[in-house]
Amino acid sequence: LRTVEAAFAQAQEIARRQIEARLYKPPDLDALETSVEVVM
């Protein structure tokens, strides 16, 4: 991935797919506020 920006973008896409796969009738994620951060 090389950059934090690339890692964040990929993580956001992975998160979208995870929510859509695990929830029955997931909400429109584009309408929600999104944050991405590195945490321990």
Full PDB file with SEQRES, HELIX, SHEET, SSBOND, CRYST1, ORIGX, SCALE, CONECT and MASTER records, all heavy atoms in Angstrom:
SEQRES   1 A   40  LEU ARG THR VAL GLU ALA ALA PHE ALA GLN ALA GLN GLU          
SEQRES   2 A   40  ILE ALA ARG ARG GLN ILE GLU ALA ARG LEU TYR LYS PRO          
SEQRES   3 A   40  PRO ASP LEU ASP ALA LEU GLU THR SER VAL GLU VAL VAL          
SEQRES   4 A   40  MET                                                          
HELIX    1 AA1 VAL A    4  ARG A   22  1                                  19    
HELIX    2 AA2 LEU A   29  ALA A   31  5                                   3    
CRYST1    1.000    1.000    1.000  90.00  90.00  90.00 P 1           1          
ORIGX1      1.000000  0.000000  0.000000        0.00000                         
ORIGX2      0.000000  1.000000  0.000000        0.00000                         
ORIGX3      0.000000  0.000000  1.000000        0.00000                         
SCALE1      1.000000  0.000000  0.000000        0.00000                         
SCALE2      0.000000  1.000000  0.000000        0.00000                         
SCALE3      0.000000  0.000000  1.000000        0.00000                         
ATOM      1  N   LEU A   1       0.823  -1.215   0.000  1.00  0.00           N  
ATOM      2  CA  LEU A   1       0.000   0.000   0.000  1.00  0.00           C  
ATOM      3  C   LEU A   1       0.860   1.268   0.000  1.00  0.00           C  
ATOM      4  O   LEU A   1       0.470   2.279  -0.563  1.00  0.00           O  
ATOM      5  CB  LEU A   1      -0.947  -0.007   1.192  1.00  0.00           C  
ATOM      6  CG  LEU A   1      -2.035  -1.073   1.118  1.00  0.00           C  
ATOM      7  CD1 LEU A   1      -2.780  -1.180   2.435  1.00  0.00           C  
ATOM      8  CD2 LEU A   1      -3.008  -0.780  -0.015  1.00  0.00           C  
ATOM      9  N   ARG A   2       1.995   1.219   0.660  1.00  0.00           N  
ATOM     10  CA  ARG A   2       3.025   2.266   0.668  1.00  0.00           C  
ATOM     11  C   ARG A   2       2.650   3.568   1.362  1.00  0.00           C  
ATOM     12  O   ARG A   2       3.479   4.188   1.979  1.00  0.00           O  
ATOM     13  CB  ARG A   2       3.525   2.565  -0.733  1.00  0.00           C  
ATOM     14  CG  ARG A   2       4.183   1.382  -1.348  1.00  0.00           C  
ATOM     15  CD  ARG A   2       4.857   1.724  -2.613  1.00  0.00           C  
ATOM     16  NE  ARG A   2       5.425   0.492  -3.149  1.00  0.00           N  
ATOM     17  CZ  ARG A   2       6.202   0.444  -4.151  1.00  0.00           C  
ATOM     18  NH1 ARG A   2       6.537   1.537  -4.785  1.00  0.00           N  
ATOM     19  NH2 ARG A   2       6.678  -0.709  -4.569  1.00  0.00           N  
ATOM     20  N   THR A   3       1.430   4.077   1.226  1.00  0.00           N  
ATOM     21  CA  THR A   3       1.074   5.350   1.853  1.00  0.00           C  
ATOM     22  C   THR A   3      -0.112   5.164   2.786  1.00  0.00           C  
ATOM     23  O   THR A   3      -0.929   4.253   2.621  1.00  0.00           O  
ATOM     24  CB  THR A   3       0.707   6.425   0.814  1.00  0.00           C  
ATOM     25  OG1 THR A   3      -0.506   6.040   0.162  1.00  0.00           O  
ATOM     26  CG2 THR A   3       1.809   6.627  -0.215  1.00  0.00           C  
ATOM     27  N   VAL A   4      -0.197   6.059   3.757  1.00  0.00           N  
ATOM     28  CA  VAL A   4      -1.330   6.033   4.686  1.00  0.00           C  
ATOM     29  C   VAL A   4      -2.630   6.274   3.924  1.00  0.00           C  
ATOM     30  O   VAL A   4      -3.649   5.632   4.195  1.00  0.00           O  
ATOM     31  CB  VAL A   4      -1.139   7.085   5.801  1.00  0.00           C  
ATOM     32  CG1 VAL A   4      -2.380   7.211   6.663  1.00  0.00           C  
ATOM     33  CG2 VAL A   4       0.070   6.750   6.640  1.00  0.00           C  
ATOM     34  N   GLU A   5      -2.601   7.171   2.955  1.00  0.00           N  
ATOM     35  CA  GLU A   5      -3.805   7.478   2.183  1.00  0.00           C  
ATOM     36  C   GLU A   5      -4.324   6.245   1.453  1.00  0.00           C  
ATOM     37  O   GLU A   5      -5.525   5.985   1.414  1.00  0.00           O  
ATOM     38  CB  GLU A   5      -3.547   8.614   1.178  1.00  0.00           C  
ATOM     39  CG  GLU A   5      -3.282   9.956   1.824  1.00  0.00           C  
ATOM     40  CD  GLU A   5      -1.849  10.126   2.333  1.00  0.00           C  
ATOM     41  OE1 GLU A   5      -0.962   9.303   2.001  1.00  0.00           O  
ATOM     42  OE2 GLU A   5      -1.618  11.089   3.090  1.00  0.00           O  
ATOM     43  N   ALA A   6      -3.413   5.467   0.863  1.00  0.00           N  
ATOM     44  CA  ALA A   6      -3.816   4.247   0.159  1.00  0.00           C  
ATOM     45  C   ALA A   6      -4.376   3.226   1.145  1.00  0.00           C  
ATOM     46  O   ALA A   6      -5.380   2.566   0.857  1.00  0.00           O  
ATOM     47  CB  ALA A   6      -2.639   3.649  -0.604  1.00  0.00           C  
ATOM     48  N   ALA A   7      -3.752   3.104   2.306  1.00  0.00           N  
ATOM     49  CA  ALA A   7      -4.243   2.179   3.329  1.00  0.00           C  
ATOM     50  C   ALA A   7      -5.620   2.592   3.817  1.00  0.00           C  
ATOM     51  O   ALA A   7      -6.515   1.751   3.992  1.00  0.00           O  
ATOM     52  CB  ALA A   7      -3.264   2.116   4.499  1.00  0.00           C  
ATOM     53  N   PHE A   8      -5.823   3.895   4.030  1.00  0.00           N  
ATOM     54  CA  PHE A   8      -7.129   4.396   4.472  1.00  0.00           C  
ATOM     55  C   PHE A   8      -8.199   4.137   3.413  1.00  0.00           C  
ATOM     56  O   PHE A   8      -9.303   3.697   3.724  1.00  0.00           O  
ATOM     57  CB  PHE A   8      -7.065   5.885   4.770  1.00  0.00           C  
ATOM     58  CG  PHE A   8      -6.493   6.234   6.114  1.00  0.00           C  
ATOM     59  CD1 PHE A   8      -5.878   5.295   6.923  1.00  0.00           C  
ATOM     60  CD2 PHE A   8      -6.565   7.530   6.577  1.00  0.00           C  
ATOM     61  CE1 PHE A   8      -5.357   5.630   8.158  1.00  0.00           C  
ATOM     62  CE2 PHE A   8      -6.052   7.881   7.822  1.00  0.00           C  
ATOM     63  CZ  PHE A   8      -5.443   6.932   8.611  1.00  0.00           C  
ATOM     64  N   ALA A   9      -7.894   4.411   2.157  1.00  0.00           N  
ATOM     65  CA  ALA A   9      -8.873   4.217   1.080  1.00  0.00           C  
ATOM     66  C   ALA A   9      -9.263   2.747   0.961  1.00  0.00           C  
ATOM     67  O   ALA A   9     -10.446   2.423   0.822  1.00  0.00           O  
ATOM     68  CB  ALA A   9      -8.306   4.729  -0.243  1.00  0.00           C  
ATOM     69  N   GLN A  10      -8.283   1.861   1.030  1.00  0.00           N  
ATOM     70  CA  GLN A  10      -8.592   0.439   0.930  1.00  0.00           C  
ATOM     71  C   GLN A  10      -9.390  -0.015   2.160  1.00  0.00           C  
ATOM     72  O   GLN A  10     -10.330  -0.789   2.034  1.00  0.00           O  
ATOM     73  CB  GLN A  10      -7.327  -0.391   0.782  1.00  0.00           C  
ATOM     74  CG  GLN A  10      -7.645  -1.866   0.607  1.00  0.00           C  
ATOM     75  CD  GLN A  10      -6.454  -2.674   0.161  1.00  0.00           C  
ATOM     76  OE1 GLN A  10      -5.524  -2.154  -0.425  1.00  0.00           O  
ATOM     77  NE2 GLN A  10      -6.492  -3.958   0.434  1.00  0.00           N  
ATOM     78  N   ALA A  11      -9.024   0.457   3.344  1.00  0.00           N  
ATOM     79  CA  ALA A  11      -9.748   0.083   4.562  1.00  0.00           C  
ATOM     80  C   ALA A  11     -11.197   0.552   4.503  1.00  0.00           C  
ATOM     81  O   ALA A  11     -12.109  -0.161   4.927  1.00  0.00           O  
ATOM     82  CB  ALA A  11      -9.053   0.673   5.789  1.00  0.00           C  
ATOM     83  N   GLN A  12     -11.421   1.731   3.963  1.00  0.00           N  
ATOM     84  CA  GLN A  12     -12.787   2.239   3.844  1.00  0.00           C  
ATOM     85  C   GLN A  12     -13.610   1.352   2.909  1.00  0.00           C  
ATOM     86  O   GLN A  12     -14.757   1.035   3.201  1.00  0.00           O  
ATOM     87  CB  GLN A  12     -12.760   3.678   3.346  1.00  0.00           C  
ATOM     88  CG  GLN A  12     -14.104   4.354   3.426  1.00  0.00           C  
ATOM     89  CD  GLN A  12     -14.004   5.836   3.123  1.00  0.00           C  
ATOM     90  OE1 GLN A  12     -12.924   6.403   2.988  1.00  0.00           O  
ATOM     91  NE2 GLN A  12     -15.134   6.485   3.022  1.00  0.00           N  
ATOM     92  N   GLU A  13     -13.035   0.926   1.802  1.00  0.00           N  
ATOM     93  CA  GLU A  13     -13.747   0.041   0.877  1.00  0.00           C  
ATOM     94  C   GLU A  13     -14.009  -1.318   1.516  1.00  0.00           C  
ATOM     95  O   GLU A  13     -15.091  -1.890   1.376  1.00  0.00           O  
ATOM     96  CB  GLU A  13     -12.954  -0.110  -0.427  1.00  0.00           C  
ATOM     97  CG  GLU A  13     -13.668  -0.924  -1.473  1.00  0.00           C  
ATOM     98  CD  GLU A  13     -15.057  -0.400  -1.834  1.00  0.00           C  
ATOM     99  OE1 GLU A  13     -15.266   0.831  -1.848  1.00  0.00           O  
ATOM    100  OE2 GLU A  13     -15.957  -1.239  -2.080  1.00  0.00           O  
ATOM    101  N   ILE A  14     -13.031  -1.850   2.229  1.00  0.00           N  
ATOM    102  CA  ILE A  14     -13.212  -3.124   2.931  1.00  0.00           C  
ATOM    103  C   ILE A  14     -14.331  -2.998   3.962  1.00  0.00           C  
ATOM    104  O   ILE A  14     -15.178  -3.886   4.093  1.00  0.00           O  
ATOM    105  CB  ILE A  14     -11.893  -3.554   3.611  1.00  0.00           C  
ATOM    106  CG1 ILE A  14     -10.859  -3.957   2.549  1.00  0.00           C  
ATOM    107  CG2 ILE A  14     -12.126  -4.679   4.611  1.00  0.00           C  
ATOM    108  CD1 ILE A  14      -9.446  -4.120   3.100  1.00  0.00           C  
ATOM    109  N   ALA A  15     -14.345  -1.885   4.705  1.00  0.00           N  
ATOM    110  CA  ALA A  15     -15.379  -1.665   5.723  1.00  0.00           C  
ATOM    111  C   ALA A  15     -16.776  -1.616   5.092  1.00  0.00           C  
ATOM    112  O   ALA A  15     -17.725  -2.204   5.617  1.00  0.00           O  
ATOM    113  CB  ALA A  15     -15.100  -0.371   6.486  1.00  0.00           C  
ATOM    114  N   ARG A  16     -16.903  -0.930   3.982  1.00  0.00           N  
ATOM    115  CA  ARG A  16     -18.198  -0.874   3.280  1.00  0.00           C  
ATOM    116  C   ARG A  16     -18.667  -2.285   2.912  1.00  0.00           C  
ATOM    117  O   ARG A  16     -19.820  -2.641   3.137  1.00  0.00           O  
ATOM    118  CB  ARG A  16     -18.089  -0.036   2.003  1.00  0.00           C  
ATOM    119  CG  ARG A  16     -17.967   1.428   2.237  1.00  0.00           C  
ATOM    120  CD  ARG A  16     -17.770   2.166   0.904  1.00  0.00           C  
ATOM    121  NE  ARG A  16     -17.916   3.572   1.113  1.00  0.00           N  
ATOM    122  CZ  ARG A  16     -19.078   4.210   1.207  1.00  0.00           C  
ATOM    123  NH1 ARG A  16     -20.199   3.552   1.081  1.00  0.00           N  
ATOM    124  NH2 ARG A  16     -19.126   5.502   1.421  1.00  0.00           N  
ATOM    125  N   ARG A  17     -17.778  -3.071   2.334  1.00  0.00           N  
ATOM    126  CA  ARG A  17     -18.149  -4.432   1.927  1.00  0.00           C  
ATOM    127  C   ARG A  17     -18.517  -5.284   3.140  1.00  0.00           C  
ATOM    128  O   ARG A  17     -19.445  -6.096   3.077  1.00  0.00           O  
ATOM    129  CB  ARG A  17     -17.014  -5.074   1.130  1.00  0.00           C  
ATOM    130  CG  ARG A  17     -16.846  -4.470  -0.253  1.00  0.00           C  
ATOM    131  CD  ARG A  17     -15.970  -5.316  -1.165  1.00  0.00           C  
ATOM    132  NE  ARG A  17     -14.710  -5.696  -0.562  1.00  0.00           N  
ATOM    133  CZ  ARG A  17     -13.534  -5.165  -0.848  1.00  0.00           C  
ATOM    134  NH1 ARG A  17     -13.439  -4.222  -1.755  1.00  0.00           N  
ATOM    135  NH2 ARG A  17     -12.441  -5.592  -0.246  1.00  0.00           N  
ATOM    136  N   GLN A  18     -17.800  -5.103   4.246  1.00  0.00           N  
ATOM    137  CA  GLN A  18     -18.080  -5.879   5.456  1.00  0.00           C  
ATOM    138  C   GLN A  18     -19.470  -5.547   6.006  1.00  0.00           C  
ATOM    139  O   GLN A  18     -20.232  -6.439   6.361  1.00  0.00           O  
ATOM    140  CB  GLN A  18     -17.008  -5.603   6.518  1.00  0.00           C  
ATOM    141  CG  GLN A  18     -17.189  -6.358   7.796  1.00  0.00           C  
ATOM    142  CD  GLN A  18     -16.927  -7.848   7.662  1.00  0.00           C  
ATOM    143  OE1 GLN A  18     -16.431  -8.315   6.649  1.00  0.00           O  
ATOM    144  NE2 GLN A  18     -17.266  -8.599   8.673  1.00  0.00           N  
ATOM    145  N   ILE A  19     -19.797  -4.278   6.086  1.00  0.00           N  
ATOM    146  CA  ILE A  19     -21.116  -3.875   6.598  1.00  0.00           C  
ATOM    147  C   ILE A  19     -22.209  -4.384   5.678  1.00  0.00           C  
ATOM    148  O   ILE A  19     -23.207  -4.938   6.127  1.00  0.00           O  
ATOM    149  CB  ILE A  19     -21.185  -2.346   6.767  1.00  0.00           C  
ATOM    150  CG1 ILE A  19     -20.269  -1.907   7.916  1.00  0.00           C  
ATOM    151  CG2 ILE A  19     -22.615  -1.886   7.008  1.00  0.00           C  
ATOM    152  CD1 ILE A  19     -20.048  -0.416   8.005  1.00  0.00           C  
ATOM    153  N   GLU A  20     -22.041  -4.203   4.388  1.00  0.00           N  
ATOM    154  CA  GLU A  20     -23.063  -4.641   3.432  1.00  0.00           C  
ATOM    155  C   GLU A  20     -23.249  -6.153   3.463  1.00  0.00           C  
ATOM    156  O   GLU A  20     -24.351  -6.647   3.278  1.00  0.00           O  
ATOM    157  CB  GLU A  20     -22.710  -4.145   2.036  1.00  0.00           C  
ATOM    158  CG  GLU A  20     -22.862  -2.639   1.911  1.00  0.00           C  
ATOM    159  CD  GLU A  20     -22.261  -2.042   0.656  1.00  0.00           C  
ATOM    160  OE1 GLU A  20     -21.594  -2.770  -0.120  1.00  0.00           O  
ATOM    161  OE2 GLU A  20     -22.434  -0.827   0.460  1.00  0.00           O  
ATOM    162  N   ALA A  21     -22.180  -6.907   3.732  1.00  0.00           N  
ATOM    163  CA  ALA A  21     -22.270  -8.365   3.755  1.00  0.00           C  
ATOM    164  C   ALA A  21     -22.894  -8.891   5.053  1.00  0.00           C  
ATOM    165  O   ALA A  21     -23.561  -9.924   5.044  1.00  0.00           O  
ATOM    166  CB  ALA A  21     -20.881  -8.977   3.581  1.00  0.00           C  
ATOM    167  N   ARG A  22     -22.702  -8.186   6.161  1.00  0.00           N  
ATOM    168  CA  ARG A  22     -23.124  -8.712   7.460  1.00  0.00           C  
ATOM    169  C   ARG A  22     -24.467  -8.190   7.940  1.00  0.00           C  
ATOM    170  O   ARG A  22     -25.035  -8.747   8.874  1.00  0.00           O  
ATOM    171  CB  ARG A  22     -22.063  -8.436   8.512  1.00  0.00           C  
ATOM    172  CG  ARG A  22     -20.806  -9.264   8.231  1.00  0.00           C  
ATOM    173  CD  ARG A  22     -19.850  -9.302   9.368  1.00  0.00           C  
ATOM    174  NE  ARG A  22     -20.364  -9.771  10.626  1.00  0.00           N  
ATOM    175  CZ  ARG A  22     -20.191 -10.994  11.115  1.00  0.00           C  
ATOM    176  NH1 ARG A  22     -19.546 -11.888  10.403  1.00  0.00           N  
ATOM    177  NH2 ARG A  22     -20.645 -11.307  12.298  1.00  0.00           N  
ATOM    178  N   LEU A  23     -24.976  -7.106   7.346  1.00  0.00           N  
ATOM    179  CA  LEU A  23     -26.231  -6.532   7.827  1.00  0.00           C  
ATOM    180  C   LEU A  23     -27.383  -6.834   6.878  1.00  0.00           C  
ATOM    181  O   LEU A  23     -27.223  -6.790   5.663  1.00  0.00           O  
ATOM    182  CB  LEU A  23     -26.117  -5.018   7.972  1.00  0.00           C  
ATOM    183  CG  LEU A  23     -25.159  -4.500   9.022  1.00  0.00           C  
ATOM    184  CD1 LEU A  23     -25.188  -2.987   9.033  1.00  0.00           C  
ATOM    185  CD2 LEU A  23     -25.501  -5.034  10.398  1.00  0.00           C  
ATOM    186  N   TYR A  24     -28.529  -7.087   7.468  1.00  0.00           N  
ATOM    187  CA  TYR A  24     -29.754  -7.220   6.699  1.00  0.00           C  
ATOM    188  C   TYR A  24     -30.231  -5.810   6.389  1.00  0.00           C  
ATOM    189  O   TYR A  24     -30.387  -4.991   7.286  1.00  0.00           O  
ATOM    190  CB  TYR A  24     -30.792  -7.984   7.526  1.00  0.00           C  
ATOM    191  CG  TYR A  24     -32.143  -8.057   6.868  1.00  0.00           C  
ATOM    192  CD1 TYR A  24     -32.346  -8.869   5.774  1.00  0.00           C  
ATOM    193  CD2 TYR A  24     -33.202  -7.305   7.348  1.00  0.00           C  
ATOM    194  CE1 TYR A  24     -33.580  -8.945   5.162  1.00  0.00           C  
ATOM    195  CE2 TYR A  24     -34.443  -7.373   6.745  1.00  0.00           C  
ATOM    196  CZ  TYR A  24     -34.627  -8.192   5.654  1.00  0.00           C  
ATOM    197  OH  TYR A  24     -35.848  -8.262   5.047  1.00  0.00           O  
ATOM    198  N   LYS A  25     -30.429  -5.510   5.137  1.00  0.00           N  
ATOM    199  CA  LYS A  25     -30.832  -4.183   4.673  1.00  0.00           C  
ATOM    200  C   LYS A  25     -29.917  -3.089   5.225  1.00  0.00           C  
ATOM    201  O   LYS A  25     -30.335  -2.255   6.033  1.00  0.00           O  
ATOM    202  CB  LYS A  25     -32.287  -3.889   5.059  1.00  0.00           C  
ATOM    203  CG  LYS A  25     -33.300  -4.766   4.372  1.00  0.00           C  
ATOM    204  CD  LYS A  25     -34.710  -4.319   4.711  1.00  0.00           C  
ATOM    205  CE  LYS A  25     -35.720  -5.183   4.007  1.00  0.00           C  
ATOM    206  NZ  LYS A  25     -37.092  -4.795   4.337  1.00  0.00           N  
ATOM    207  N   PRO A  26     -28.661  -3.072   4.821  1.00  0.00           N  
ATOM    208  CA  PRO A  26     -27.750  -2.033   5.326  1.00  0.00           C  
ATOM    209  C   PRO A  26     -28.188  -0.649   4.864  1.00  0.00           C  
ATOM    210  O   PRO A  26     -28.822  -0.501   3.816  1.00  0.00           O  
ATOM    211  CB  PRO A  26     -26.405  -2.418   4.716  1.00  0.00           C  
ATOM    212  CG  PRO A  26     -26.738  -3.237   3.529  1.00  0.00           C  
ATOM    213  CD  PRO A  26     -28.033  -3.938   3.837  1.00  0.00           C  
ATOM    214  N   PRO A  27     -27.862   0.374   5.630  1.00  0.00           N  
ATOM    215  CA  PRO A  27     -28.232   1.736   5.245  1.00  0.00           C  
ATOM    216  C   PRO A  27     -27.367   2.224   4.086  1.00  0.00           C  
ATOM    217  O   PRO A  27     -26.364   1.594   3.733  1.00  0.00           O  
ATOM    218  CB  PRO A  27     -27.937   2.544   6.516  1.00  0.00           C  
ATOM    219  CG  PRO A  27     -26.824   1.803   7.151  1.00  0.00           C  
ATOM    220  CD  PRO A  27     -27.106   0.342   6.875  1.00  0.00           C  
ATOM    221  N   ASP A  28     -27.743   3.349   3.537  1.00  0.00           N  
ATOM    222  CA  ASP A  28     -26.938   3.997   2.495  1.00  0.00           C  
ATOM    223  C   ASP A  28     -25.708   4.588   3.173  1.00  0.00           C  
ATOM    224  O   ASP A  28     -25.800   5.617   3.849  1.00  0.00           O  
ATOM    225  CB  ASP A  28     -27.763   5.083   1.803  1.00  0.00           C  
ATOM    226  CG  ASP A  28     -26.959   5.857   0.772  1.00  0.00           C  
ATOM    227  OD1 ASP A  28     -25.841   5.427   0.422  1.00  0.00           O  
ATOM    228  OD2 ASP A  28     -27.460   6.899   0.316  1.00  0.00           O  
ATOM    229  N   LEU A  29     -24.579   3.940   3.034  1.00  0.00           N  
ATOM    230  CA  LEU A  29     -23.368   4.388   3.719  1.00  0.00           C  
ATOM    231  C   LEU A  29     -22.861   5.723   3.192  1.00  0.00           C  
ATOM    232  O   LEU A  29     -22.161   6.441   3.902  1.00  0.00           O  
ATOM    233  CB  LEU A  29     -22.287   3.313   3.624  1.00  0.00           C  
ATOM    234  CG  LEU A  29     -22.633   1.989   4.310  1.00  0.00           C  
ATOM    235  CD1 LEU A  29     -21.538   0.960   4.063  1.00  0.00           C  
ATOM    236  CD2 LEU A  29     -22.868   2.179   5.801  1.00  0.00           C  
ATOM    237  N   ASP A  30     -23.209   6.075   1.953  1.00  0.00           N  
ATOM    238  CA  ASP A  30     -22.786   7.365   1.401  1.00  0.00           C  
ATOM    239  C   ASP A  30     -23.447   8.528   2.129  1.00  0.00           C  
ATOM    240  O   ASP A  30     -22.931   9.641   2.113  1.00  0.00           O  
ATOM    241  CB  ASP A  30     -23.101   7.444  -0.094  1.00  0.00           C  
ATOM    242  CG  ASP A  30     -22.222   6.512  -0.908  1.00  0.00           C  
ATOM    243  OD1 ASP A  30     -21.063   6.275  -0.497  1.00  0.00           O  
ATOM    244  OD2 ASP A  30     -22.691   6.018  -1.944  1.00  0.00           O  
ATOM    245  N   ALA A  31     -24.584   8.290   2.774  1.00  0.00           N  
ATOM    246  CA  ALA A  31     -25.291   9.346   3.491  1.00  0.00           C  
ATOM    247  C   ALA A  31     -24.737   9.550   4.903  1.00  0.00           C  
ATOM    248  O   ALA A  31     -25.139  10.485   5.593  1.00  0.00           O  
ATOM    249  CB  ALA A  31     -26.777   9.007   3.573  1.00  0.00           C  
ATOM    250  N   LEU A  32     -23.820   8.706   5.321  1.00  0.00           N  
ATOM    251  CA  LEU A  32     -23.278   8.783   6.674  1.00  0.00           C  
ATOM    252  C   LEU A  32     -21.917   9.474   6.681  1.00  0.00           C  
ATOM    253  O   LEU A  32     -21.205   9.463   5.681  1.00  0.00           O  
ATOM    254  CB  LEU A  32     -23.135   7.376   7.262  1.00  0.00           C  
ATOM    255  CG  LEU A  32     -24.402   6.538   7.313  1.00  0.00           C  
ATOM    256  CD1 LEU A  32     -24.103   5.150   7.884  1.00  0.00           C  
ATOM    257  CD2 LEU A  32     -25.478   7.226   8.133  1.00  0.00           C  
ATOM    258  N   GLU A  33     -21.572  10.060   7.809  1.00  0.00           N  
ATOM    259  CA  GLU A  33     -20.256  10.660   7.972  1.00  0.00           C  
ATOM    260  C   GLU A  33     -19.248   9.539   8.211  1.00  0.00           C  
ATOM    261  O   GLU A  33     -19.496   8.631   8.999  1.00  0.00           O  
ATOM    262  CB  GLU A  33     -20.252  11.631   9.140  1.00  0.00           C  
ATOM    263  CG  GLU A  33     -21.120  12.848   8.888  1.00  0.00           C  
ATOM    264  CD  GLU A  33     -21.125  13.820  10.048  1.00  0.00           C  
ATOM    265  OE1 GLU A  33     -20.618  13.486  11.143  1.00  0.00           O  
ATOM    266  OE2 GLU A  33     -21.658  14.921   9.858  1.00  0.00           O  
ATOM    267  N   THR A  34     -18.122   9.602   7.531  1.00  0.00           N  
ATOM    268  CA  THR A  34     -17.115   8.546   7.619  1.00  0.00           C  
ATOM    269  C   THR A  34     -15.834   9.106   8.211  1.00  0.00           C  
ATOM    270  O   THR A  34     -15.426  10.210   7.869  1.00  0.00           O  
ATOM    271  CB  THR A  34     -16.816   8.000   6.210  1.00  0.00           C  
ATOM    272  OG1 THR A  34     -18.033   7.606   5.592  1.00  0.00           O  
ATOM    273  CG2 THR A  34     -15.879   6.812   6.265  1.00  0.00           C  
ATOM    274  N   SER A  35     -15.225   8.334   9.100  1.00  0.00           N  
ATOM    275  CA  SER A  35     -13.902   8.707   9.597  1.00  0.00           C  
ATOM    276  C   SER A  35     -13.011   7.468   9.544  1.00  0.00           C  
ATOM    277  O   SER A  35     -13.484   6.345   9.701  1.00  0.00           O  
ATOM    278  CB  SER A  35     -13.964   9.271  11.018  1.00  0.00           C  
ATOM    279  OG  SER A  35     -14.344   8.275  11.931  1.00  0.00           O  
ATOM    280  N   VAL A  36     -11.738   7.700   9.303  1.00  0.00           N  
ATOM    281  CA  VAL A  36     -10.753   6.626   9.214  1.00  0.00           C  
ATOM    282  C   VAL A  36      -9.555   7.058  10.054  1.00  0.00           C  
ATOM    283  O   VAL A  36      -9.069   8.180   9.903  1.00  0.00           O  
ATOM    284  CB  VAL A  36     -10.313   6.384   7.756  1.00  0.00           C  
ATOM    285  CG1 VAL A  36      -9.366   5.209   7.661  1.00  0.00           C  
ATOM    286  CG2 VAL A  36     -11.524   6.169   6.850  1.00  0.00           C  
ATOM    287  N   GLU A  37      -9.107   6.173  10.953  1.00  0.00           N  
ATOM    288  CA  GLU A  37      -7.992   6.528  11.815  1.00  0.00           C  
ATOM    289  C   GLU A  37      -7.163   5.298  12.165  1.00  0.00           C  
ATOM    290  O   GLU A  37      -7.662   4.176  12.143  1.00  0.00           O  
ATOM    291  CB  GLU A  37      -8.497   7.188  13.100  1.00  0.00           C  
ATOM    292  CG  GLU A  37      -9.390   6.278  13.921  1.00  0.00           C  
ATOM    293  CD  GLU A  37     -10.011   6.958  15.129  1.00  0.00           C  
ATOM    294  OE1 GLU A  37      -9.485   7.985  15.581  1.00  0.00           O  
ATOM    295  OE2 GLU A  37     -11.025   6.445  15.618  1.00  0.00           O  
ATOM    296  N   VAL A  38      -5.907   5.538  12.478  1.00  0.00           N  
ATOM    297  CA  VAL A  38      -5.026   4.480  12.967  1.00  0.00           C  
ATOM    298  C   VAL A  38      -5.125   4.501  14.493  1.00  0.00           C  
ATOM    299  O   VAL A  38      -5.000   5.561  15.109  1.00  0.00           O  
ATOM    300  CB  VAL A  38      -3.566   4.716  12.528  1.00  0.00           C  
ATOM    301  CG1 VAL A  38      -2.638   3.690  13.159  1.00  0.00           C  
ATOM    302  CG2 VAL A  38      -3.450   4.684  11.021  1.00  0.00           C  
ATOM    303  N   VAL A  39      -5.382   3.337  15.077  1.00  0.00           N  
ATOM    304  CA  VAL A  39      -5.495   3.223  16.532  1.00  0.00           C  
ATOM    305  C   VAL A  39      -4.764   1.969  17.002  1.00  0.00           C  
ATOM    306  O   VAL A  39      -4.512   1.056  16.222  1.00  0.00           O  
ATOM    307  CB  VAL A  39      -6.975   3.177  16.999  1.00  0.00           C  
ATOM    308  CG1 VAL A  39      -7.689   4.476  16.686  1.00  0.00           C  
ATOM    309  CG2 VAL A  39      -7.710   2.019  16.380  1.00  0.00           C  
ATOM    310  N   MET A  40      -4.444   1.944  18.271  1.00  0.00           N  
ATOM    311  CA  MET A  40      -3.857   0.761  18.904  1.00  0.00           C  
ATOM    312  C   MET A  40      -4.973   0.082  19.689  1.00  0.00           C  
ATOM    313  O   MET A  40      -5.579   0.711  20.561  1.00  0.00           O  
ATOM    314  CB  MET A  40      -2.713   1.152  19.833  1.00  0.00           C  
ATOM    315  CG  MET A  40      -1.545   1.827  19.139  1.00  0.00           C  
ATOM    316  SD  MET A  40      -0.686   0.780  17.955  1.00  0.00           S  
ATOM    317  CE  MET A  40       0.156  -0.343  19.044  1.00  0.00           C  
TER     318      MET A  40                                                      
MASTER        0    0    0    2    0    0    0    6  317    1    0    4          
END                                                                             
